Amino acid sequence: MLHEDVVGRIRTILLDGEIPPGARIPERELCERLGISRTPLREALKVLAAEGLVQLLPHRGSRAAKLTDKDMRDLFEVCQGLEALAGELACERITDAEIDEIAAAHAAMVQHYRDGDLIQYYRGNRAIHEAIVNAAGNPVLAGLYTSVTARIRRARYVTPMTPQRWALAVKEHEAILNALQRRDGTGLSHILRAHLRHKREEVLQAGFAETEGNDLTLRIA
């Protein structure tokens, strides 16, 4: 298995919550599951530590990184700035075909909302945000966005929503699409900032951030 594949597989395991924040990384089980030795596993963990997903413990292995309330606030603050800039650039550079694709993704997401399918709704939601960032046409911005959002992905796209908050989120996404279709960069920037600010408060109120406590050890199948 290639180095990039190992990193990607472990990143997915972490982001999907199979190893919860604060839990020890079960190296033996991961090696068996991925069919690799300890050396490529530990090289991959170094990469994920640089991304903020893993905490390396000298002479004690590693664990899935924990995020405090302050970490969550800081990360969402940066994410707000990145998405706001992406919105401005996207309105300058996006093609009509890309707008049509985002509009179709929005319609599908709204249908998931009407069906009460939160998992599929979140997947569509995430795809729309990523499409706007990609439409900005700035690889540096996209790379920073990927790095930051990787650390808050579980909180951002897993936190339960009240019916009222869900309805508000859909209205905000309608405003996002309308601003994009008008190519109103300033308006889209403001909408995205507010949208992410609301999400940040929702995540913090849900108590998704971790508090310091005893280490956990997890065995995965």
N, C-alpha and C. Protein backbone atom coordinates (compact mmCIF):
# COMPACT_ATOMS: atom_id res chain seq x y z
N MET A 1 0.84 -1.19 0.00
CA MET A 1 0.00 0.00 0.00
C MET A 1 0.88 1.25 0.00
N LEU A 2 0.57 2.21 -0.87
CA LEU A 2 1.35 3.43 -0.96
C LEU A 2 1.19 4.29 0.28
N HIS A 3 2.22 5.10 0.55
CA HIS A 3 2.22 5.97 1.73
C HIS A 3 0.96 6.84 1.77
N GLU A 4 0.61 7.45 0.62
CA GLU A 4 -0.55 8.33 0.57
C GLU A 4 -1.84 7.57 0.89
N ASP A 5 -1.89 6.30 0.46
CA ASP A 5 -3.07 5.49 0.74
C ASP A 5 -3.19 5.18 2.23
N VAL A 6 -2.05 4.89 2.86
CA VAL A 6 -2.06 4.60 4.29
C VAL A 6 -2.54 5.83 5.06
N VAL A 7 -1.98 6.99 4.71
CA VAL A 7 -2.39 8.23 5.37
C VAL A 7 -3.88 8.47 5.17
N GLY A 8 -4.36 8.27 3.95
CA GLY A 8 -5.77 8.50 3.66
C GLY A 8 -6.69 7.57 4.42
N ARG A 9 -6.31 6.29 4.52
CA ARG A 9 -7.15 5.32 5.23
C ARG A 9 -7.24 5.66 6.72
N ILE A 10 -6.10 6.01 7.32
CA ILE A 10 -6.11 6.32 8.75
C ILE A 10 -6.84 7.64 8.99
N ARG A 11 -6.66 8.60 8.09
CA ARG A 11 -7.37 9.88 8.22
C ARG A 11 -8.88 9.64 8.23
N THR A 12 -9.34 8.79 7.33
CA THR A 12 -10.77 8.50 7.26
C THR A 12 -11.26 7.82 8.54
N ILE A 13 -10.47 6.90 9.07
CA ILE A 13 -10.82 6.22 10.31
C ILE A 13 -10.98 7.24 11.45
N LEU A 14 -10.08 8.20 11.50
CA LEU A 14 -10.14 9.22 12.54
C LEU A 14 -11.34 10.14 12.34
N LEU A 15 -11.54 10.61 11.11
CA LEU A 15 -12.62 11.56 10.84
C LEU A 15 -13.99 10.92 10.98
N ASP A 16 -14.07 9.62 10.73
CA ASP A 16 -15.35 8.93 10.88
C ASP A 16 -15.64 8.56 12.34
N GLY A 17 -14.69 8.85 13.22
CA GLY A 17 -14.93 8.62 14.64
C GLY A 17 -14.70 7.21 15.11
N GLU A 18 -14.09 6.36 14.29
CA GLU A 18 -13.81 5.00 14.75
C GLU A 18 -12.82 5.01 15.91
N ILE A 19 -11.94 6.00 15.91
CA ILE A 19 -11.05 6.24 17.04
C ILE A 19 -11.43 7.61 17.58
N PRO A 20 -12.14 7.67 18.69
CA PRO A 20 -12.62 8.96 19.19
C PRO A 20 -11.51 9.84 19.73
N PRO A 21 -11.74 11.15 19.81
CA PRO A 21 -10.74 12.07 20.35
C PRO A 21 -10.27 11.63 21.73
N GLY A 22 -8.96 11.61 21.92
CA GLY A 22 -8.38 11.22 23.20
C GLY A 22 -8.03 9.76 23.31
N ALA A 23 -8.55 8.92 22.39
CA ALA A 23 -8.28 7.49 22.46
C ALA A 23 -6.88 7.18 21.92
N ARG A 24 -6.25 6.19 22.52
CA ARG A 24 -4.95 5.73 22.02
C ARG A 24 -5.10 5.16 20.62
N ILE A 25 -4.10 5.38 19.79
CA ILE A 25 -4.09 4.78 18.46
C ILE A 25 -3.67 3.32 18.60
N PRO A 26 -4.54 2.37 18.25
CA PRO A 26 -4.22 0.95 18.39
C PRO A 26 -3.35 0.47 17.23
N GLU A 27 -2.04 0.62 17.38
CA GLU A 27 -1.13 0.38 16.25
C GLU A 27 -1.21 -1.05 15.74
N ARG A 28 -1.22 -2.03 16.64
CA ARG A 28 -1.23 -3.41 16.18
C ARG A 28 -2.48 -3.70 15.36
N GLU A 29 -3.64 -3.26 15.87
CA GLU A 29 -4.89 -3.52 15.16
C GLU A 29 -4.92 -2.82 13.80
N LEU A 30 -4.39 -1.59 13.75
CA LEU A 30 -4.37 -0.88 12.48
C LEU A 30 -3.44 -1.56 11.47
N CYS A 31 -2.30 -2.03 11.95
CA CYS A 31 -1.38 -2.73 11.05
C CYS A 31 -2.04 -3.98 10.46
N GLU A 32 -2.75 -4.72 11.31
CA GLU A 32 -3.42 -5.92 10.83
C GLU A 32 -4.54 -5.58 9.85
N ARG A 33 -5.28 -4.54 10.17
CA ARG A 33 -6.40 -4.15 9.32
C ARG A 33 -5.94 -3.66 7.94
N LEU A 34 -4.84 -2.89 7.93
CA LEU A 34 -4.36 -2.31 6.68
C LEU A 34 -3.33 -3.20 5.97
N GLY A 35 -2.87 -4.23 6.66
CA GLY A 35 -1.88 -5.12 6.05
C GLY A 35 -0.53 -4.47 5.86
N ILE A 36 -0.10 -3.70 6.87
CA ILE A 36 1.19 -3.00 6.79
C ILE A 36 1.99 -3.26 8.06
N SER A 37 3.26 -2.85 8.05
CA SER A 37 4.11 -2.99 9.22
C SER A 37 4.05 -1.71 10.06
N ARG A 38 4.73 -1.71 11.19
CA ARG A 38 4.71 -0.54 12.07
C ARG A 38 5.38 0.68 11.44
N THR A 39 6.41 0.46 10.62
CA THR A 39 7.15 1.61 10.07
C THR A 39 6.27 2.50 9.20
N PRO A 40 5.58 1.99 8.17
CA PRO A 40 4.72 2.87 7.37
C PRO A 40 3.56 3.45 8.19
N LEU A 41 3.09 2.70 9.19
CA LEU A 41 2.03 3.23 10.04
C LEU A 41 2.51 4.46 10.79
N ARG A 42 3.69 4.37 11.38
CA ARG A 42 4.20 5.49 12.17
C ARG A 42 4.57 6.68 11.29
N GLU A 43 5.01 6.42 10.07
CA GLU A 43 5.26 7.52 9.14
C GLU A 43 3.96 8.24 8.81
N ALA A 44 2.89 7.47 8.64
CA ALA A 44 1.58 8.07 8.36
C ALA A 44 1.09 8.88 9.56
N LEU A 45 1.33 8.37 10.76
CA LEU A 45 0.89 9.08 11.96
C LEU A 45 1.61 10.42 12.11
N LYS A 46 2.87 10.49 11.66
CA LYS A 46 3.60 11.76 11.70
C LYS A 46 2.93 12.79 10.79
N VAL A 47 2.49 12.33 9.62
CA VAL A 47 1.80 13.24 8.69
C VAL A 47 0.50 13.73 9.31
N LEU A 48 -0.25 12.83 9.93
CA LEU A 48 -1.52 13.19 10.53
C LEU A 48 -1.33 14.06 11.77
N ALA A 49 -0.20 13.90 12.44
CA ALA A 49 0.12 14.78 13.57
C ALA A 49 0.34 16.20 13.07
N ALA A 50 1.00 16.33 11.91
CA ALA A 50 1.22 17.66 11.33
C ALA A 50 -0.10 18.30 10.92
N GLU A 51 -1.11 17.48 10.60
CA GLU A 51 -2.43 17.99 10.24
C GLU A 51 -3.28 18.31 11.47
N GLY A 52 -2.77 17.93 12.65
CA GLY A 52 -3.51 18.20 13.87
C GLY A 52 -4.52 17.13 14.24
N LEU A 53 -4.48 15.98 13.55
CA LEU A 53 -5.44 14.91 13.82
C LEU A 53 -4.92 13.90 14.84
N VAL A 54 -3.61 13.87 15.03
CA VAL A 54 -2.99 12.91 15.94
C VAL A 54 -2.03 13.64 16.86
N GLN A 55 -1.97 13.18 18.10
CA GLN A 55 -0.99 13.71 19.05
C GLN A 55 0.04 12.62 19.32
N LEU A 56 1.30 12.91 19.02
CA LEU A 56 2.36 11.95 19.26
C LEU A 56 2.82 12.06 20.71
N LEU A 57 2.94 10.92 21.38
CA LEU A 57 3.33 10.88 22.79
C LEU A 57 4.72 10.25 22.87
N PRO A 58 5.75 11.00 23.25
CA PRO A 58 7.11 10.46 23.31
C PRO A 58 7.19 9.17 24.12
N HIS A 59 7.65 8.11 23.46
CA HIS A 59 7.85 6.80 24.09
C HIS A 59 6.54 6.16 24.57
N ARG A 60 5.40 6.75 24.17
CA ARG A 60 4.11 6.20 24.62
C ARG A 60 3.10 6.06 23.49
N GLY A 61 3.59 6.05 22.26
CA GLY A 61 2.68 5.88 21.13
C GLY A 61 2.02 7.18 20.71
N SER A 62 0.74 7.12 20.44
CA SER A 62 0.02 8.31 19.97
C SER A 62 -1.46 8.16 20.29
N ARG A 63 -2.18 9.26 20.16
CA ARG A 63 -3.62 9.22 20.39
C ARG A 63 -4.31 10.19 19.43
N ALA A 64 -5.59 9.97 19.23
CA ALA A 64 -6.38 10.88 18.40
C ALA A 64 -6.46 12.22 19.12
N ALA A 65 -6.19 13.28 18.39
CA ALA A 65 -6.14 14.61 19.00
C ALA A 65 -7.50 15.02 19.56
N LYS A 66 -7.45 15.75 20.66
CA LYS A 66 -8.66 16.29 21.27
C LYS A 66 -8.73 17.79 20.98
N LEU A 67 -9.93 18.29 20.82
CA LEU A 67 -10.14 19.71 20.59
C LEU A 67 -10.88 20.31 21.77
N THR A 68 -10.34 21.39 22.31
CA THR A 68 -11.02 22.11 23.38
C THR A 68 -11.97 23.14 22.77
N ASP A 69 -12.76 23.78 23.62
CA ASP A 69 -13.64 24.85 23.13
C ASP A 69 -12.83 25.93 22.43
N LYS A 70 -11.67 26.28 22.99
CA LYS A 70 -10.84 27.32 22.38
C LYS A 70 -10.33 26.87 21.02
N ASP A 71 -9.89 25.60 20.92
CA ASP A 71 -9.46 25.07 19.63
C ASP A 71 -10.58 25.20 18.60
N MET A 72 -11.79 24.82 19.02
CA MET A 72 -12.92 24.85 18.10
C MET A 72 -13.22 26.27 17.64
N ARG A 73 -13.18 27.21 18.58
CA ARG A 73 -13.43 28.61 18.22
C ARG A 73 -12.36 29.11 17.25
N ASP A 74 -11.11 28.80 17.54
CA ASP A 74 -10.01 29.26 16.69
C ASP A 74 -10.12 28.68 15.28
N LEU A 75 -10.42 27.39 15.19
CA LEU A 75 -10.50 26.74 13.88
C LEU A 75 -11.68 27.27 13.07
N PHE A 76 -12.83 27.44 13.71
CA PHE A 76 -13.98 27.98 12.99
C PHE A 76 -13.72 29.42 12.54
N GLU A 77 -12.99 30.17 13.36
CA GLU A 77 -12.66 31.55 13.00
C GLU A 77 -11.85 31.58 11.71
N VAL A 78 -10.86 30.70 11.62
CA VAL A 78 -10.04 30.63 10.41
C VAL A 78 -10.88 30.13 9.23
N CYS A 79 -11.72 29.14 9.49
CA CYS A 79 -12.56 28.59 8.43
C CYS A 79 -13.51 29.66 7.88
N GLN A 80 -14.04 30.51 8.76
CA GLN A 80 -14.90 31.61 8.31
C GLN A 80 -14.15 32.50 7.32
N GLY A 81 -12.92 32.85 7.67
CA GLY A 81 -12.15 33.72 6.79
C GLY A 81 -11.85 33.07 5.45
N LEU A 82 -11.51 31.78 5.49
CA LEU A 82 -11.18 31.08 4.25
C LEU A 82 -12.40 30.95 3.34
N GLU A 83 -13.55 30.59 3.92
CA GLU A 83 -14.75 30.44 3.09
C GLU A 83 -15.24 31.79 2.57
N ALA A 84 -15.10 32.83 3.39
CA ALA A 84 -15.51 34.16 2.94
C ALA A 84 -14.67 34.59 1.73
N LEU A 85 -13.36 34.37 1.81
CA LEU A 85 -12.49 34.70 0.68
C LEU A 85 -12.82 33.83 -0.52
N ALA A 86 -13.06 32.55 -0.27
CA ALA A 86 -13.41 31.65 -1.37
C ALA A 86 -14.68 32.11 -2.07
N GLY A 87 -15.65 32.58 -1.28
CA GLY A 87 -16.90 33.05 -1.87
C GLY A 87 -16.68 34.25 -2.78
N GLU A 88 -15.84 35.18 -2.34
CA GLU A 88 -15.54 36.35 -3.17
C GLU A 88 -14.87 35.94 -4.47
N LEU A 89 -13.86 35.08 -4.37
CA LEU A 89 -13.13 34.66 -5.57
C LEU A 89 -14.01 33.82 -6.49
N ALA A 90 -14.83 32.96 -5.89
CA ALA A 90 -15.70 32.10 -6.70
C ALA A 90 -16.65 32.94 -7.55
N CYS A 91 -17.18 34.01 -6.97
CA CYS A 91 -18.11 34.85 -7.73
C CYS A 91 -17.43 35.52 -8.92
N GLU A 92 -16.12 35.69 -8.84
CA GLU A 92 -15.37 36.28 -9.95
C GLU A 92 -15.02 35.24 -11.02
N ARG A 93 -14.84 33.98 -10.59
CA ARG A 93 -14.23 32.99 -11.47
C ARG A 93 -15.11 31.80 -11.84
N ILE A 94 -16.19 31.58 -11.14
CA ILE A 94 -16.99 30.39 -11.35
C ILE A 94 -17.64 30.41 -12.74
N THR A 95 -17.77 29.24 -13.34
CA THR A 95 -18.43 29.13 -14.64
C THR A 95 -19.92 28.89 -14.45
N ASP A 96 -20.68 29.14 -15.51
CA ASP A 96 -22.11 28.88 -15.45
C ASP A 96 -22.38 27.40 -15.18
N ALA A 97 -21.56 26.54 -15.77
CA ALA A 97 -21.74 25.10 -15.57
C ALA A 97 -21.52 24.72 -14.11
N GLU A 98 -20.53 25.33 -13.48
CA GLU A 98 -20.27 25.04 -12.06
C GLU A 98 -21.41 25.53 -11.18
N ILE A 99 -21.98 26.68 -11.53
CA ILE A 99 -23.13 27.18 -10.77
C ILE A 99 -24.30 26.21 -10.91
N ASP A 100 -24.51 25.70 -12.11
CA ASP A 100 -25.60 24.74 -12.33
C ASP A 100 -25.38 23.47 -11.50
N GLU A 101 -24.13 23.03 -11.40
CA GLU A 101 -23.83 21.83 -10.61
C GLU A 101 -24.12 22.07 -9.13
N ILE A 102 -23.75 23.25 -8.64
CA ILE A 102 -24.00 23.57 -7.23
C ILE A 102 -25.50 23.71 -6.99
N ALA A 103 -26.22 24.28 -7.95
CA ALA A 103 -27.68 24.40 -7.81
C ALA A 103 -28.33 23.03 -7.74
N ALA A 104 -27.83 22.08 -8.55
CA ALA A 104 -28.37 20.72 -8.52
C ALA A 104 -28.06 20.05 -7.19
N ALA A 105 -26.85 20.27 -6.69
CA ALA A 105 -26.47 19.70 -5.39
C ALA A 105 -27.32 20.30 -4.28
N HIS A 106 -27.63 21.59 -4.40
CA HIS A 106 -28.48 22.24 -3.41
C HIS A 106 -29.88 21.64 -3.42
N ALA A 107 -30.43 21.42 -4.62
CA ALA A 107 -31.77 20.84 -4.72
C ALA A 107 -31.81 19.45 -4.09
N ALA A 108 -30.76 18.66 -4.32
CA ALA A 108 -30.69 17.32 -3.73
C ALA A 108 -30.59 17.41 -2.21
N MET A 109 -29.80 18.37 -1.72
CA MET A 109 -29.65 18.55 -0.28
C MET A 109 -30.99 18.94 0.36
N VAL A 110 -31.73 19.82 -0.29
CA VAL A 110 -33.03 20.23 0.23
C VAL A 110 -33.99 19.04 0.29
N GLN A 111 -33.91 18.17 -0.70
CA GLN A 111 -34.76 16.97 -0.68
C GLN A 111 -34.40 16.08 0.50
N HIS A 112 -33.11 15.96 0.80
CA HIS A 112 -32.70 15.18 1.97
C HIS A 112 -33.25 15.81 3.25
N TYR A 113 -33.29 17.13 3.28
CA TYR A 113 -33.87 17.84 4.43
C TYR A 113 -35.35 17.50 4.56
N ARG A 114 -36.07 17.53 3.46
CA ARG A 114 -37.50 17.22 3.50
C ARG A 114 -37.75 15.77 3.89
N ASP A 115 -36.81 14.89 3.52
CA ASP A 115 -36.93 13.47 3.87
C ASP A 115 -36.48 13.19 5.30
N GLY A 116 -35.87 14.20 5.94
CA GLY A 116 -35.37 14.00 7.29
C GLY A 116 -34.11 13.16 7.36
N ASP A 117 -33.37 13.09 6.25
CA ASP A 117 -32.15 12.27 6.18
C ASP A 117 -30.95 13.15 6.48
N LEU A 118 -30.58 13.24 7.76
CA LEU A 118 -29.52 14.15 8.18
C LEU A 118 -28.16 13.74 7.64
N ILE A 119 -27.89 12.43 7.58
CA ILE A 119 -26.59 11.98 7.09
C ILE A 119 -26.37 12.40 5.65
N GLN A 120 -27.36 12.13 4.79
CA GLN A 120 -27.23 12.52 3.38
C GLN A 120 -27.25 14.04 3.22
N TYR A 121 -28.01 14.70 4.07
CA TYR A 121 -28.03 16.17 4.04
C TYR A 121 -26.64 16.72 4.31
N TYR A 122 -25.97 16.19 5.33
CA TYR A 122 -24.63 16.67 5.67
C TYR A 122 -23.64 16.39 4.54
N ARG A 123 -23.79 15.24 3.88
CA ARG A 123 -22.89 14.93 2.77
C ARG A 123 -23.07 15.93 1.63
N GLY A 124 -24.32 16.25 1.32
CA GLY A 124 -24.58 17.23 0.28
C GLY A 124 -24.12 18.62 0.69
N ASN A 125 -24.33 18.95 1.94
CA ASN A 125 -23.90 20.24 2.49
C ASN A 125 -22.39 20.41 2.33
N ARG A 126 -21.67 19.39 2.74
CA ARG A 126 -20.21 19.44 2.65
C ARG A 126 -19.76 19.59 1.19
N ALA A 127 -20.40 18.86 0.28
CA ALA A 127 -20.03 18.92 -1.13
C ALA A 127 -20.22 20.33 -1.69
N ILE A 128 -21.26 21.02 -1.25
CA ILE A 128 -21.52 22.38 -1.73
C ILE A 128 -20.43 23.34 -1.25
N HIS A 129 -20.09 23.25 0.03
CA HIS A 129 -19.04 24.13 0.55
C HIS A 129 -17.71 23.87 -0.17
N GLU A 130 -17.40 22.61 -0.40
CA GLU A 130 -16.14 22.28 -1.08
C GLU A 130 -16.17 22.75 -2.53
N ALA A 131 -17.33 22.68 -3.18
CA ALA A 131 -17.45 23.12 -4.57
C ALA A 131 -17.20 24.63 -4.68
N ILE A 132 -17.69 25.39 -3.71
CA ILE A 132 -17.47 26.84 -3.73
C ILE A 132 -15.98 27.14 -3.55
N VAL A 133 -15.34 26.44 -2.63
CA VAL A 133 -13.90 26.64 -2.42
C VAL A 133 -13.13 26.28 -3.69
N ASN A 134 -13.48 25.17 -4.32
CA ASN A 134 -12.79 24.77 -5.55
C ASN A 134 -13.02 25.77 -6.68
N ALA A 135 -14.22 26.36 -6.71
CA ALA A 135 -14.54 27.32 -7.76
C ALA A 135 -13.74 28.61 -7.62
N ALA A 136 -13.15 28.83 -6.43
CA ALA A 136 -12.32 30.01 -6.23
C ALA A 136 -11.06 29.95 -7.09
N GLY A 137 -10.68 28.74 -7.50
CA GLY A 137 -9.54 28.58 -8.40
C GLY A 137 -8.20 28.93 -7.79
N ASN A 138 -8.07 28.72 -6.47
CA ASN A 138 -6.83 29.04 -5.78
C ASN A 138 -6.37 27.81 -5.00
N PRO A 139 -5.39 27.07 -5.53
CA PRO A 139 -4.93 25.84 -4.87
C PRO A 139 -4.39 26.06 -3.46
N VAL A 140 -3.76 27.20 -3.21
CA VAL A 140 -3.24 27.48 -1.87
C VAL A 140 -4.40 27.60 -0.88
N LEU A 141 -5.42 28.35 -1.27
CA LEU A 141 -6.61 28.50 -0.44
C LEU A 141 -7.27 27.15 -0.21
N ALA A 142 -7.40 26.36 -1.26
CA ALA A 142 -8.04 25.05 -1.14
C ALA A 142 -7.26 24.14 -0.20
N GLY A 143 -5.93 24.20 -0.27
CA GLY A 143 -5.11 23.37 0.61
C GLY A 143 -5.26 23.76 2.07
N LEU A 144 -5.26 25.06 2.34
CA LEU A 144 -5.45 25.53 3.71
C LEU A 144 -6.83 25.13 4.23
N TYR A 145 -7.82 25.27 3.37
CA TYR A 145 -9.20 24.93 3.75
C TYR A 145 -9.31 23.45 4.10
N THR A 146 -8.71 22.61 3.28
CA THR A 146 -8.75 21.17 3.54
C THR A 146 -8.09 20.83 4.87
N SER A 147 -6.96 21.46 5.15
CA SER A 147 -6.23 21.20 6.39
C SER A 147 -7.04 21.62 7.61
N VAL A 148 -7.64 22.80 7.55
CA VAL A 148 -8.40 23.31 8.70
C VAL A 148 -9.68 22.52 8.90
N THR A 149 -10.41 22.30 7.81
CA THR A 149 -11.71 21.64 7.96
C THR A 149 -11.57 20.17 8.34
N ALA A 150 -10.42 19.56 8.04
CA ALA A 150 -10.22 18.17 8.45
C ALA A 150 -10.32 18.03 9.96
N ARG A 151 -9.87 19.05 10.69
CA ARG A 151 -9.85 18.98 12.15
C ARG A 151 -11.23 19.18 12.77
N ILE A 152 -12.14 19.83 12.03
CA ILE A 152 -13.46 20.08 12.60
C ILE A 152 -14.56 19.37 11.83
N ARG A 153 -14.17 18.48 10.91
CA ARG A 153 -15.17 17.85 10.05
C ARG A 153 -16.21 17.08 10.84
N ARG A 154 -15.76 16.28 11.81
CA ARG A 154 -16.73 15.49 12.58
C ARG A 154 -17.68 16.40 13.33
N ALA A 155 -17.17 17.47 13.93
CA ALA A 155 -18.03 18.38 14.67
C ALA A 155 -18.98 19.11 13.73
N ARG A 156 -18.46 19.54 12.60
CA ARG A 156 -19.25 20.35 11.68
C ARG A 156 -20.34 19.55 10.98
N TYR A 157 -20.04 18.30 10.65
CA TYR A 157 -20.97 17.52 9.85
C TYR A 157 -21.57 16.32 10.59
N VAL A 158 -21.46 16.28 11.91
CA VAL A 158 -22.05 15.18 12.67
C VAL A 158 -22.94 15.70 13.79
N THR A 159 -22.69 16.91 14.27
CA THR A 159 -23.45 17.47 15.38
C THR A 159 -24.95 17.46 15.08
N PRO A 160 -25.78 16.90 15.98
CA PRO A 160 -27.23 16.91 15.77
C PRO A 160 -27.77 18.34 15.70
N MET A 161 -28.85 18.53 14.95
CA MET A 161 -29.46 19.84 14.83
C MET A 161 -30.92 19.79 15.28
N THR A 162 -31.36 20.87 15.92
CA THR A 162 -32.78 20.99 16.24
C THR A 162 -33.53 21.28 14.95
N PRO A 163 -34.83 21.00 14.90
CA PRO A 163 -35.61 21.32 13.70
C PRO A 163 -35.51 22.80 13.31
N GLN A 164 -35.48 23.67 14.32
CA GLN A 164 -35.39 25.11 14.04
C GLN A 164 -34.04 25.46 13.40
N ARG A 165 -32.97 24.91 13.95
CA ARG A 165 -31.64 25.19 13.41
C ARG A 165 -31.49 24.60 12.02
N TRP A 166 -32.06 23.42 11.80
CA TRP A 166 -31.96 22.79 10.49
C TRP A 166 -32.67 23.64 9.44
N ALA A 167 -33.87 24.13 9.79
CA ALA A 167 -34.61 24.97 8.85
C ALA A 167 -33.83 26.25 8.54
N LEU A 168 -33.20 26.83 9.57
CA LEU A 168 -32.41 28.04 9.36
C LEU A 168 -31.22 27.76 8.45
N ALA A 169 -30.57 26.61 8.65
CA ALA A 169 -29.41 26.25 7.83
C ALA A 169 -29.81 26.13 6.36
N VAL A 170 -30.98 25.56 6.09
CA VAL A 170 -31.45 25.43 4.71
C VAL A 170 -31.70 26.81 4.11
N LYS A 171 -32.30 27.72 4.88
CA LYS A 171 -32.53 29.08 4.39
C LYS A 171 -31.20 29.78 4.10
N GLU A 172 -30.22 29.54 4.96
CA GLU A 172 -28.91 30.14 4.73
C GLU A 172 -28.28 29.60 3.45
N HIS A 173 -28.48 28.32 3.19
CA HIS A 173 -27.93 27.74 1.96
C HIS A 173 -28.66 28.27 0.73
N GLU A 174 -29.94 28.56 0.86
CA GLU A 174 -30.65 29.18 -0.26
C GLU A 174 -30.08 30.56 -0.55
N ALA A 175 -29.74 31.30 0.51
CA ALA A 175 -29.13 32.62 0.34
C ALA A 175 -27.74 32.50 -0.28
N ILE A 176 -27.00 31.46 0.11
CA ILE A 176 -25.67 31.23 -0.46
C ILE A 176 -25.79 31.00 -1.96
N LEU A 177 -26.73 30.14 -2.36
CA LEU A 177 -26.91 29.85 -3.79
C LEU A 177 -27.34 31.09 -4.55
N ASN A 178 -28.27 31.86 -3.99
CA ASN A 178 -28.75 33.06 -4.67
C ASN A 178 -27.62 34.07 -4.88
N ALA A 179 -26.79 34.26 -3.86
CA ALA A 179 -25.67 35.20 -3.99
C ALA A 179 -24.68 34.71 -5.04
N LEU A 180 -24.45 33.40 -5.07
CA LEU A 180 -23.53 32.84 -6.05
C LEU A 180 -24.08 33.02 -7.46
N GLN A 181 -25.37 32.79 -7.64
CA GLN A 181 -25.98 32.95 -8.96
C GLN A 181 -25.94 34.40 -9.43
N ARG A 182 -26.00 35.34 -8.48
CA ARG A 182 -25.91 36.76 -8.82
C ARG A 182 -24.45 37.20 -8.96
N ARG A 183 -23.54 36.31 -8.60
CA ARG A 183 -22.11 36.62 -8.57
C ARG A 183 -21.83 37.83 -7.67
N ASP A 184 -22.50 37.81 -6.53
CA ASP A 184 -22.37 38.88 -5.53
C ASP A 184 -21.33 38.43 -4.50
N GLY A 185 -20.06 38.71 -4.79
CA GLY A 185 -18.99 38.25 -3.92
C GLY A 185 -19.05 38.80 -2.52
N THR A 186 -19.34 40.09 -2.39
CA THR A 186 -19.41 40.70 -1.06
C THR A 186 -20.56 40.11 -0.25
N GLY A 187 -21.71 39.97 -0.90
CA GLY A 187 -22.86 39.39 -0.21
C GLY A 187 -22.61 37.95 0.20
N LEU A 188 -22.03 37.17 -0.70
CA LEU A 188 -21.76 35.76 -0.39
C LEU A 188 -20.77 35.65 0.76
N SER A 189 -19.78 36.52 0.77
CA SER A 189 -18.78 36.50 1.84
C SER A 189 -19.45 36.71 3.20
N HIS A 190 -20.35 37.69 3.28
CA HIS A 190 -21.04 37.97 4.55
C HIS A 190 -21.94 36.80 4.96
N ILE A 191 -22.63 36.21 3.99
CA ILE A 191 -23.53 35.10 4.29
C ILE A 191 -22.75 33.90 4.82
N LEU A 192 -21.62 33.60 4.18
CA LEU A 192 -20.81 32.45 4.61
C LEU A 192 -20.24 32.67 6.01
N ARG A 193 -19.81 33.88 6.30
CA ARG A 193 -19.30 34.16 7.65
C ARG A 193 -20.39 33.92 8.70
N ALA A 194 -21.58 34.43 8.43
CA ALA A 194 -22.68 34.26 9.39
C ALA A 194 -23.07 32.79 9.51
N HIS A 195 -23.11 32.10 8.39
CA HIS A 195 -23.47 30.68 8.37
C HIS A 195 -22.52 29.87 9.24
N LEU A 196 -21.23 30.12 9.11
CA LEU A 196 -20.24 29.37 9.89
C LEU A 196 -20.22 29.82 11.34
N ARG A 197 -20.52 31.08 11.59
CA ARG A 197 -20.61 31.54 12.98
C ARG A 197 -21.75 30.82 13.70
N HIS A 198 -22.87 30.67 13.02
CA HIS A 198 -23.99 29.94 13.61
C HIS A 198 -23.62 28.48 13.86
N LYS A 199 -22.90 27.87 12.91
CA LYS A 199 -22.50 26.48 13.08
C LYS A 199 -21.54 26.33 14.25
N ARG A 200 -20.63 27.28 14.40
CA ARG A 200 -19.68 27.22 15.51
C ARG A 200 -20.42 27.24 16.85
N GLU A 201 -21.38 28.13 16.99
CA GLU A 201 -22.12 28.20 18.25
C GLU A 201 -22.93 26.94 18.48
N GLU A 202 -23.46 26.37 17.41
CA GLU A 202 -24.21 25.12 17.53
C GLU A 202 -23.31 23.99 18.03
N VAL A 203 -22.11 23.91 17.47
CA VAL A 203 -21.16 22.87 17.88
C VAL A 203 -20.76 23.05 19.34
N LEU A 204 -20.48 24.29 19.74
CA LEU A 204 -20.06 24.54 21.11
C LEU A 204 -21.19 24.26 22.10
N GLN A 205 -22.41 24.62 21.73
CA GLN A 205 -23.55 24.36 22.61
C GLN A 205 -23.81 22.86 22.75
N ALA A 206 -23.48 22.11 21.71
CA ALA A 206 -23.69 20.66 21.75
C ALA A 206 -22.63 19.96 22.58
N GLY A 207 -21.60 20.72 23.00
CA GLY A 207 -20.55 20.12 23.82
C GLY A 207 -19.69 19.15 23.05
N PHE A 208 -19.47 19.43 21.75
CA PHE A 208 -18.69 18.50 20.94
C PHE A 208 -17.21 18.56 21.28
N ALA A 209 -16.72 19.73 21.72
CA ALA A 209 -15.30 19.84 22.04
C ALA A 209 -14.96 18.97 23.23
N GLU A 210 -13.70 18.57 23.30
CA GLU A 210 -13.25 17.67 24.36
C GLU A 210 -12.73 18.44 25.55
N THR A 211 -12.87 17.86 26.72
CA THR A 211 -12.24 18.39 27.91
C THR A 211 -11.14 17.44 28.32
N GLU A 212 -10.19 17.95 29.06
CA GLU A 212 -9.09 17.10 29.48
C GLU A 212 -9.59 16.01 30.41
N GLY A 213 -9.09 14.81 30.22
CA GLY A 213 -9.52 13.70 31.07
C GLY A 213 -8.57 12.55 30.92
N ASN A 214 -8.97 11.40 31.40
CA ASN A 214 -8.12 10.22 31.31
C ASN A 214 -8.00 9.75 29.87
N ASP A 215 -6.85 9.18 29.55
CA ASP A 215 -6.65 8.63 28.22
C ASP A 215 -7.58 7.44 28.01
N LEU A 216 -8.03 7.31 26.78
CA LEU A 216 -8.84 6.16 26.41
C LEU A 216 -8.01 5.24 25.55
N THR A 217 -8.30 3.98 25.61
CA THR A 217 -7.66 3.02 24.72
C THR A 217 -8.76 2.32 23.95
N LEU A 218 -8.63 2.27 22.64
CA LEU A 218 -9.69 1.71 21.81
C LEU A 218 -9.14 0.58 20.96
N ARG A 219 -9.88 -0.49 20.88
CA ARG A 219 -9.54 -1.57 19.98
C ARG A 219 -10.54 -1.53 18.84
N ILE A 220 -10.05 -1.58 17.62
CA ILE A 220 -10.94 -1.52 16.46
C ILE A 220 -10.91 -2.83 15.72
N ALA A 221 -12.04 -3.14 15.10
CA ALA A 221 -12.13 -4.41 14.36
C ALA A 221 -11.54 -4.25 12.98
